[in-house]
């Protein structure tokens, strides 16, 4: 994996579905609109859905997902 780090998204500051949802909202809606939406959403459910969509995993060191959307354990396509 170390030779292919550019094929992964690693977010060491994300440790929960809620944090992932907040990060995703700030990316797609912008900081200002994301903050406005926060109180109206189930952030835990949204974060879990983002994880499923991206086949991402949460671990002790943060959030990890492959950029190609494949599961972390799947063999890489050469």
PDB file of N, CA and C in Angstrom:
ATOM      1  N   UNK A   1       0.812  -1.185   0.000  1.00  0.00           N
ATOM      2  CA  UNK A   1       0.000   0.000   0.000  1.00  0.00           C
ATOM      3  C   UNK A   1       0.862   1.259   0.000  1.00  0.00           C
ATOM      4  N   UNK A   2       2.013   1.231   0.653  1.00  0.00           N
ATOM      5  CA  UNK A   2       2.818   2.445   0.767  1.00  0.00           C
ATOM      6  C   UNK A   2       3.264   2.972  -0.589  1.00  0.00           C
ATOM      7  N   UNK A   3       3.394   2.115  -1.578  1.00  0.00           N
ATOM      8  CA  UNK A   3       3.778   2.558  -2.907  1.00  0.00           C
ATOM      9  C   UNK A   3       2.626   3.152  -3.696  1.00  0.00           C
ATOM     10  N   UNK A   4       1.432   3.116  -3.131  1.00  0.00           N
ATOM     11  CA  UNK A   4       0.241   3.571  -3.852  1.00  0.00           C
ATOM     12  C   UNK A   4      -0.606   4.517  -3.005  1.00  0.00           C
ATOM     13  N   UNK A   5       0.014   5.297  -2.158  1.00  0.00           N
ATOM     14  CA  UNK A   5      -0.723   6.195  -1.261  1.00  0.00           C
ATOM     15  C   UNK A   5      -1.582   7.204  -2.009  1.00  0.00           C
ATOM     16  N   UNK A   6      -1.161   7.577  -3.223  1.00  0.00           N
ATOM     17  CA  UNK A   6      -1.937   8.550  -3.993  1.00  0.00           C
ATOM     18  C   UNK A   6      -3.261   7.975  -4.494  1.00  0.00           C
ATOM     19  N   UNK A   7      -3.499   6.680  -4.289  1.00  0.00           N
ATOM     20  CA  UNK A   7      -4.744   6.037  -4.701  1.00  0.00           C
ATOM     21  C   UNK A   7      -5.771   5.993  -3.570  1.00  0.00           C
ATOM     22  N   UNK A   8      -5.426   6.588  -2.430  1.00  0.00           N
ATOM     23  CA  UNK A   8      -6.284   6.534  -1.248  1.00  0.00           C
ATOM     24  C   UNK A   8      -6.575   7.935  -0.729  1.00  0.00           C
ATOM     25  N   UNK A   9      -7.707   8.060  -0.082  1.00  0.00           N
ATOM     26  CA  UNK A   9      -8.046   9.274   0.651  1.00  0.00           C
ATOM     27  C   UNK A   9      -7.911   8.941   2.131  1.00  0.00           C
ATOM     28  N   UNK A  10      -7.012   9.638   2.817  1.00  0.00           N
ATOM     29  CA  UNK A  10      -6.797   9.422   4.245  1.00  0.00           C
ATOM     30  C   UNK A  10      -7.088  10.723   4.969  1.00  0.00           C
ATOM     31  N   UNK A  11      -8.008  10.672   5.908  1.00  0.00           N
ATOM     32  CA  UNK A  11      -8.424  11.847   6.673  1.00  0.00           C
ATOM     33  C   UNK A  11      -8.175  11.568   8.155  1.00  0.00           C
ATOM     34  N   UNK A  12      -6.993  11.909   8.681  1.00  0.00           N
ATOM     35  CA  UNK A  12      -6.669  11.565  10.069  1.00  0.00           C
ATOM     36  C   UNK A  12      -7.513  12.292  11.108  1.00  0.00           C
ATOM     37  N   UNK A  13      -8.177  13.377  10.735  1.00  0.00           N
ATOM     38  CA  UNK A  13      -8.986  14.128  11.698  1.00  0.00           C
ATOM     39  C   UNK A  13     -10.415  13.594  11.812  1.00  0.00           C
ATOM     40  N   UNK A  14     -10.789  12.623  10.985  1.00  0.00           N
ATOM     41  CA  UNK A  14     -12.151  12.080  10.992  1.00  0.00           C
ATOM     42  C   UNK A  14     -12.163  10.743  11.724  1.00  0.00           C
ATOM     43  N   UNK A  15     -12.986  10.672  12.799  1.00  0.00           N
ATOM     44  CA  UNK A  15     -13.043   9.461  13.623  1.00  0.00           C
ATOM     45  C   UNK A  15     -14.465   8.978  13.877  1.00  0.00           C
ATOM     46  N   UNK A  16     -15.446   9.555  13.190  1.00  0.00           N
ATOM     47  CA  UNK A  16     -16.834   9.131  13.391  1.00  0.00           C
ATOM     48  C   UNK A  16     -17.645   9.457  12.139  1.00  0.00           C
ATOM     49  N   UNK A  17     -18.773   8.765  11.958  1.00  0.00           N
ATOM     50  CA  UNK A  17     -19.646   9.103  10.829  1.00  0.00           C
ATOM     51  C   UNK A  17     -20.098  10.564  10.873  1.00  0.00           C
ATOM     52  N   UNK A  18     -20.325  11.101  12.067  1.00  0.00           N
ATOM     53  CA  UNK A  18     -20.750  12.498  12.227  1.00  0.00           C
ATOM     54  C   UNK A  18     -19.678  13.453  11.689  1.00  0.00           C
ATOM     55  N   UNK A  19     -18.416  13.194  12.021  1.00  0.00           N
ATOM     56  CA  UNK A  19     -17.324  14.045  11.530  1.00  0.00           C
ATOM     57  C   UNK A  19     -17.179  13.929  10.018  1.00  0.00           C
ATOM     58  N   UNK A  20     -17.372  12.721   9.495  1.00  0.00           N
ATOM     59  CA  UNK A  20     -17.305  12.525   8.048  1.00  0.00           C
ATOM     60  C   UNK A  20     -18.424  13.302   7.352  1.00  0.00           C
ATOM     61  N   UNK A  21     -19.625  13.269   7.920  1.00  0.00           N
ATOM     62  CA  UNK A  21     -20.753  14.008   7.345  1.00  0.00           C
ATOM     63  C   UNK A  21     -20.467  15.506   7.325  1.00  0.00           C
ATOM     64  N   UNK A  22     -19.929  16.031   8.403  1.00  0.00           N
ATOM     65  CA  UNK A  22     -19.606  17.465   8.450  1.00  0.00           C
ATOM     66  C   UNK A  22     -18.570  17.829   7.391  1.00  0.00           C
ATOM     67  N   UNK A  23     -17.557  16.984   7.247  1.00  0.00           N
ATOM     68  CA  UNK A  23     -16.519  17.239   6.249  1.00  0.00           C
ATOM     69  C   UNK A  23     -17.110  17.201   4.838  1.00  0.00           C
ATOM     70  N   UNK A  24     -17.930  16.204   4.568  1.00  0.00           N
ATOM     71  CA  UNK A  24     -18.549  16.059   3.244  1.00  0.00           C
ATOM     72  C   UNK A  24     -19.443  17.262   2.936  1.00  0.00           C
ATOM     73  N   UNK A  25     -20.222  17.698   3.909  1.00  0.00           N
ATOM     74  CA  UNK A  25     -21.095  18.858   3.707  1.00  0.00           C
ATOM     75  C   UNK A  25     -20.306  20.120   3.400  1.00  0.00           C
ATOM     76  N   UNK A  26     -19.193  20.313   4.085  1.00  0.00           N
ATOM     77  CA  UNK A  26     -18.399  21.520   3.829  1.00  0.00           C
ATOM     78  C   UNK A  26     -17.802  21.498   2.428  1.00  0.00           C
ATOM     79  N   UNK A  27     -17.527  20.295   1.908  1.00  0.00           N
ATOM     80  CA  UNK A  27     -16.986  20.174   0.551  1.00  0.00           C
ATOM     81  C   UNK A  27     -18.074  20.436  -0.491  1.00  0.00           C
ATOM     82  N   UNK A  28     -19.245  19.825  -0.320  1.00  0.00           N
ATOM     83  CA  UNK A  28     -20.263  19.938  -1.367  1.00  0.00           C
ATOM     84  C   UNK A  28     -21.116  21.196  -1.261  1.00  0.00           C
ATOM     85  N   UNK A  29     -21.276  21.732  -0.049  1.00  0.00           N
ATOM     86  CA  UNK A  29     -22.146  22.899   0.121  1.00  0.00           C
ATOM     87  C   UNK A  29     -21.378  24.157   0.489  1.00  0.00           C
ATOM     88  N   UNK A  30     -20.112  24.021   0.798  1.00  0.00           N
ATOM     89  CA  UNK A  30     -19.337  25.162   1.261  1.00  0.00           C
ATOM     90  C   UNK A  30     -19.468  25.316   2.767  1.00  0.00           C
ATOM     91  N   UNK A  31     -18.520  26.010   3.344  1.00  0.00           N
ATOM     92  CA  UNK A  31     -18.467  26.166   4.803  1.00  0.00           C
ATOM     93  C   UNK A  31     -19.725  26.843   5.353  1.00  0.00           C
ATOM     94  N   UNK A  32     -20.120  27.943   4.746  1.00  0.00           N
ATOM     95  CA  UNK A  32     -21.258  28.723   5.249  1.00  0.00           C
ATOM     96  C   UNK A  32     -22.574  27.949   5.140  1.00  0.00           C
ATOM     97  N   UNK A  33     -22.868  27.401   3.972  1.00  0.00           N
ATOM     98  CA  UNK A  33     -24.113  26.645   3.779  1.00  0.00           C
ATOM     99  C   UNK A  33     -24.096  25.339   4.565  1.00  0.00           C
ATOM    100  N   UNK A  34     -22.930  24.709   4.651  1.00  0.00           N
ATOM    101  CA  UNK A  34     -22.811  23.477   5.426  1.00  0.00           C
ATOM    102  C   UNK A  34     -23.203  23.691   6.875  1.00  0.00           C
ATOM    103  N   UNK A  35     -22.729  24.775   7.474  1.00  0.00           N
ATOM    104  CA  UNK A  35     -23.077  25.083   8.869  1.00  0.00           C
ATOM    105  C   UNK A  35     -24.569  25.357   9.017  1.00  0.00           C
ATOM    106  N   UNK A  36     -25.167  25.972   8.015  1.00  0.00           N
ATOM    107  CA  UNK A  36     -26.599  26.252   8.052  1.00  0.00           C
ATOM    108  C   UNK A  36     -27.416  24.958   7.999  1.00  0.00           C
ATOM    109  N   UNK A  37     -26.943  23.974   7.252  1.00  0.00           N
ATOM    110  CA  UNK A  37     -27.654  22.702   7.110  1.00  0.00           C
ATOM    111  C   UNK A  37     -27.504  21.780   8.323  1.00  0.00           C
ATOM    112  N   UNK A  38     -26.404  21.869   9.040  1.00  0.00           N
ATOM    113  CA  UNK A  38     -26.085  20.922  10.115  1.00  0.00           C
ATOM    114  C   UNK A  38     -27.232  20.619  11.074  1.00  0.00           C
ATOM    115  N   UNK A  39     -27.926  21.606  11.615  1.00  0.00           N
ATOM    116  CA  UNK A  39     -28.966  21.292  12.596  1.00  0.00           C
ATOM    117  C   UNK A  39     -30.180  20.561  12.018  1.00  0.00           C
ATOM    118  N   UNK A  40     -30.278  20.492  10.704  1.00  0.00           N
ATOM    119  CA  UNK A  40     -31.451  19.909  10.060  1.00  0.00           C
ATOM    120  C   UNK A  40     -31.215  18.486   9.549  1.00  0.00           C
ATOM    121  N   UNK A  41     -30.048  17.941   9.806  1.00  0.00           N
ATOM    122  CA  UNK A  41     -29.684  16.638   9.240  1.00  0.00           C
ATOM    123  C   UNK A  41     -29.339  15.621  10.316  1.00  0.00           C
ATOM    124  N   UNK A  42     -29.548  14.351   9.987  1.00  0.00           N
ATOM    125  CA  UNK A  42     -29.082  13.248  10.829  1.00  0.00           C
ATOM    126  C   UNK A  42     -27.653  12.945  10.371  1.00  0.00           C
ATOM    127  N   UNK A  43     -26.697  13.589  11.018  1.00  0.00           N
ATOM    128  CA  UNK A  43     -25.303  13.499  10.581  1.00  0.00           C
ATOM    129  C   UNK A  43     -24.738  12.093  10.701  1.00  0.00           C
ATOM    130  N   UNK A  44     -25.146  11.342  11.724  1.00  0.00           N
ATOM    131  CA  UNK A  44     -24.648   9.972  11.862  1.00  0.00           C
ATOM    132  C   UNK A  44     -25.095   9.109  10.683  1.00  0.00           C
ATOM    133  N   UNK A  45     -26.370   9.197  10.319  1.00  0.00           N
ATOM    134  CA  UNK A  45     -26.885   8.413   9.192  1.00  0.00           C
ATOM    135  C   UNK A  45     -26.233   8.849   7.881  1.00  0.00           C
ATOM    136  N   UNK A  46     -26.092  10.157   7.677  1.00  0.00           N
ATOM    137  CA  UNK A  46     -25.467  10.655   6.454  1.00  0.00           C
ATOM    138  C   UNK A  46     -24.012  10.200   6.370  1.00  0.00           C
ATOM    139  N   UNK A  47     -23.288  10.275   7.470  1.00  0.00           N
ATOM    140  CA  UNK A  47     -21.899   9.825   7.484  1.00  0.00           C
ATOM    141  C   UNK A  47     -21.771   8.343   7.167  1.00  0.00           C
ATOM    142  N   UNK A  48     -22.670   7.519   7.726  1.00  0.00           N
ATOM    143  CA  UNK A  48     -22.646   6.078   7.422  1.00  0.00           C
ATOM    144  C   UNK A  48     -22.923   5.839   5.937  1.00  0.00           C
ATOM    145  N   UNK A  49     -23.853   6.609   5.363  1.00  0.00           N
ATOM    146  CA  UNK A  49     -24.147   6.465   3.934  1.00  0.00           C
ATOM    147  C   UNK A  49     -22.956   6.874   3.068  1.00  0.00           C
ATOM    148  N   UNK A  50     -22.244   7.918   3.465  1.00  0.00           N
ATOM    149  CA  UNK A  50     -21.036   8.324   2.734  1.00  0.00           C
ATOM    150  C   UNK A  50     -19.994   7.213   2.808  1.00  0.00           C
ATOM    151  N   UNK A  51     -19.832   6.614   3.987  1.00  0.00           N
ATOM    152  CA  UNK A  51     -18.877   5.510   4.130  1.00  0.00           C
ATOM    153  C   UNK A  51     -19.250   4.347   3.219  1.00  0.00           C
ATOM    154  N   UNK A  52     -20.542   3.990   3.175  1.00  0.00           N
ATOM    155  CA  UNK A  52     -20.986   2.891   2.303  1.00  0.00           C
ATOM    156  C   UNK A  52     -20.750   3.237   0.836  1.00  0.00           C
ATOM    157  N   UNK A  53     -21.096   4.467   0.465  1.00  0.00           N
ATOM    158  CA  UNK A  53     -20.921   4.895  -0.929  1.00  0.00           C
ATOM    159  C   UNK A  53     -19.464   4.770  -1.367  1.00  0.00           C
ATOM    160  N   UNK A  54     -18.555   5.194  -0.489  1.00  0.00           N
ATOM    161  CA  UNK A  54     -17.130   5.224  -0.823  1.00  0.00           C
ATOM    162  C   UNK A  54     -16.381   3.963  -0.421  1.00  0.00           C
ATOM    163  N   UNK A  55     -17.077   2.997   0.211  1.00  0.00           N
ATOM    164  CA  UNK A  55     -16.417   1.807   0.753  1.00  0.00           C
ATOM    165  C   UNK A  55     -15.294   2.193   1.705  1.00  0.00           C
ATOM    166  N   UNK A  56     -15.507   3.255   2.465  1.00  0.00           N
ATOM    167  CA  UNK A  56     -14.501   3.742   3.407  1.00  0.00           C
ATOM    168  C   UNK A  56     -14.587   3.046   4.749  1.00  0.00           C
ATOM    169  N   UNK A  57     -13.523   3.172   5.516  1.00  0.00           N
ATOM    170  CA  UNK A  57     -13.468   2.582   6.854  1.00  0.00           C
ATOM    171  C   UNK A  57     -12.930   3.611   7.844  1.00  0.00           C
ATOM    172  N   UNK A  58     -13.436   3.520   9.065  1.00  0.00           N
ATOM    173  CA  UNK A  58     -12.930   4.329  10.168  1.00  0.00           C
ATOM    174  C   UNK A  58     -12.018   3.455  11.013  1.00  0.00           C
ATOM    175  N   UNK A  59     -10.898   4.000  11.415  1.00  0.00           N
ATOM    176  CA  UNK A  59      -9.976   3.275  12.276  1.00  0.00           C
ATOM    177  C   UNK A  59      -9.403   4.195  13.329  1.00  0.00           C
ATOM    178  N   UNK A  60      -8.505   3.669  14.120  1.00  0.00           N
ATOM    179  CA  UNK A  60      -7.872   4.455  15.178  1.00  0.00           C
ATOM    180  C   UNK A  60      -7.128   5.666  14.632  1.00  0.00           C
ATOM    181  N   UNK A  61      -6.696   5.593  13.386  1.00  0.00           N
ATOM    182  CA  UNK A  61      -5.888   6.668  12.810  1.00  0.00           C
ATOM    183  C   UNK A  61      -6.682   7.606  11.918  1.00  0.00           C
ATOM    184  N   UNK A  62      -7.988   7.360  11.752  1.00  0.00           N
ATOM    185  CA  UNK A  62      -8.814   8.231  10.937  1.00  0.00           C
ATOM    186  C   UNK A  62      -9.632   7.471   9.909  1.00  0.00           C
ATOM    187  N   UNK A  63     -10.057   8.180   8.871  1.00  0.00           N
ATOM    188  CA  UNK A  63     -10.912   7.638   7.818  1.00  0.00           C
ATOM    189  C   UNK A  63     -10.071   7.328   6.584  1.00  0.00           C
ATOM    190  N   UNK A  64     -10.321   6.164   5.984  1.00  0.00           N
ATOM    191  CA  UNK A  64      -9.568   5.734   4.811  1.00  0.00           C
ATOM    192  C   UNK A  64     -10.534   5.212   3.759  1.00  0.00           C
ATOM    193  N   UNK A  65     -10.335   5.649   2.513  1.00  0.00           N
ATOM    194  CA  UNK A  65     -11.129   5.164   1.389  1.00  0.00           C
ATOM    195  C   UNK A  65     -10.252   5.159   0.145  1.00  0.00           C
ATOM    196  N   UNK A  66     -10.538   4.225  -0.744  1.00  0.00           N
ATOM    197  CA  UNK A  66      -9.841   4.209  -2.026  1.00  0.00           C
ATOM    198  C   UNK A  66     -10.494   5.218  -2.952  1.00  0.00           C
ATOM    199  N   UNK A  67      -9.706   5.911  -3.744  1.00  0.00           N
ATOM    200  CA  UNK A  67     -10.238   6.913  -4.667  1.00  0.00           C
ATOM    201  C   UNK A  67     -11.047   6.293  -5.802  1.00  0.00           C
ATOM    202  N   UNK A  68     -10.799   5.005  -6.103  1.00  0.00           N
ATOM    203  CA  UNK A  68     -11.560   4.342  -7.163  1.00  0.00           C
ATOM    204  C   UNK A  68     -12.882   3.772  -6.653  1.00  0.00           C
ATOM    205  N   UNK A  69     -13.176   3.954  -5.347  1.00  0.00           N
ATOM    206  CA  UNK A  69     -14.442   3.503  -4.785  1.00  0.00           C
ATOM    207  C   UNK A  69     -14.512   2.035  -4.441  1.00  0.00           C
ATOM    208  N   UNK A  70     -13.456   1.290  -4.708  1.00  0.00           N
ATOM    209  CA  UNK A  70     -13.435  -0.131  -4.389  1.00  0.00           C
ATOM    210  C   UNK A  70     -13.189  -0.328  -2.892  1.00  0.00           C
ATOM    211  N   UNK A  71     -13.607  -1.482  -2.346  1.00  0.00           N
ATOM    212  CA  UNK A  71     -13.305  -1.759  -0.938  1.00  0.00           C
ATOM    213  C   UNK A  71     -11.797  -1.744  -0.691  1.00  0.00           C
ATOM    214  N   UNK A  72     -11.403  -1.363   0.509  1.00  0.00           N
ATOM    215  CA  UNK A  72      -9.985  -1.276   0.871  1.00  0.00           C
ATOM    216  C   UNK A  72      -9.264  -2.591   0.599  1.00  0.00           C
ATOM    217  N   UNK A  73      -9.905  -3.724   0.898  1.00  0.00           N
ATOM    218  CA  UNK A  73      -9.251  -5.027   0.772  1.00  0.00           C
ATOM    219  C   UNK A  73      -9.254  -5.586  -0.648  1.00  0.00           C
ATOM    220  N   UNK A  74      -9.982  -4.975  -1.566  1.00  0.00           N
ATOM    221  CA  UNK A  74     -10.056  -5.493  -2.933  1.00  0.00           C
ATOM    222  C   UNK A  74      -8.712  -5.327  -3.636  1.00  0.00           C
ATOM    223  N   UNK A  75      -8.342  -6.293  -4.486  1.00  0.00           N
ATOM    224  CA  UNK A  75      -7.090  -6.145  -5.241  1.00  0.00           C
ATOM    225  C   UNK A  75      -7.147  -4.918  -6.148  1.00  0.00           C
ATOM    226  N   UNK A  76      -6.022  -4.253  -6.277  1.00  0.00           N
ATOM    227  CA  UNK A  76      -5.940  -3.088  -7.158  1.00  0.00           C
ATOM    228  C   UNK A  76      -6.001  -3.538  -8.606  1.00  0.00           C
ATOM    229  N   UNK A  77      -6.645  -2.730  -9.433  1.00  0.00           N
ATOM    230  CA  UNK A  77      -6.690  -2.984 -10.871  1.00  0.00           C
ATOM    231  C   UNK A  77      -5.470  -2.334 -11.508  1.00  0.00           C
ATOM    232  N   UNK A  78      -4.644  -3.091 -12.162  1.00  0.00           N
ATOM    233  CA  UNK A  78      -3.422  -2.572 -12.810  1.00  0.00           C
ATOM    234  C   UNK A  78      -3.726  -2.143 -14.226  1.00  0.00           C
TER     235      UNK A  78
END
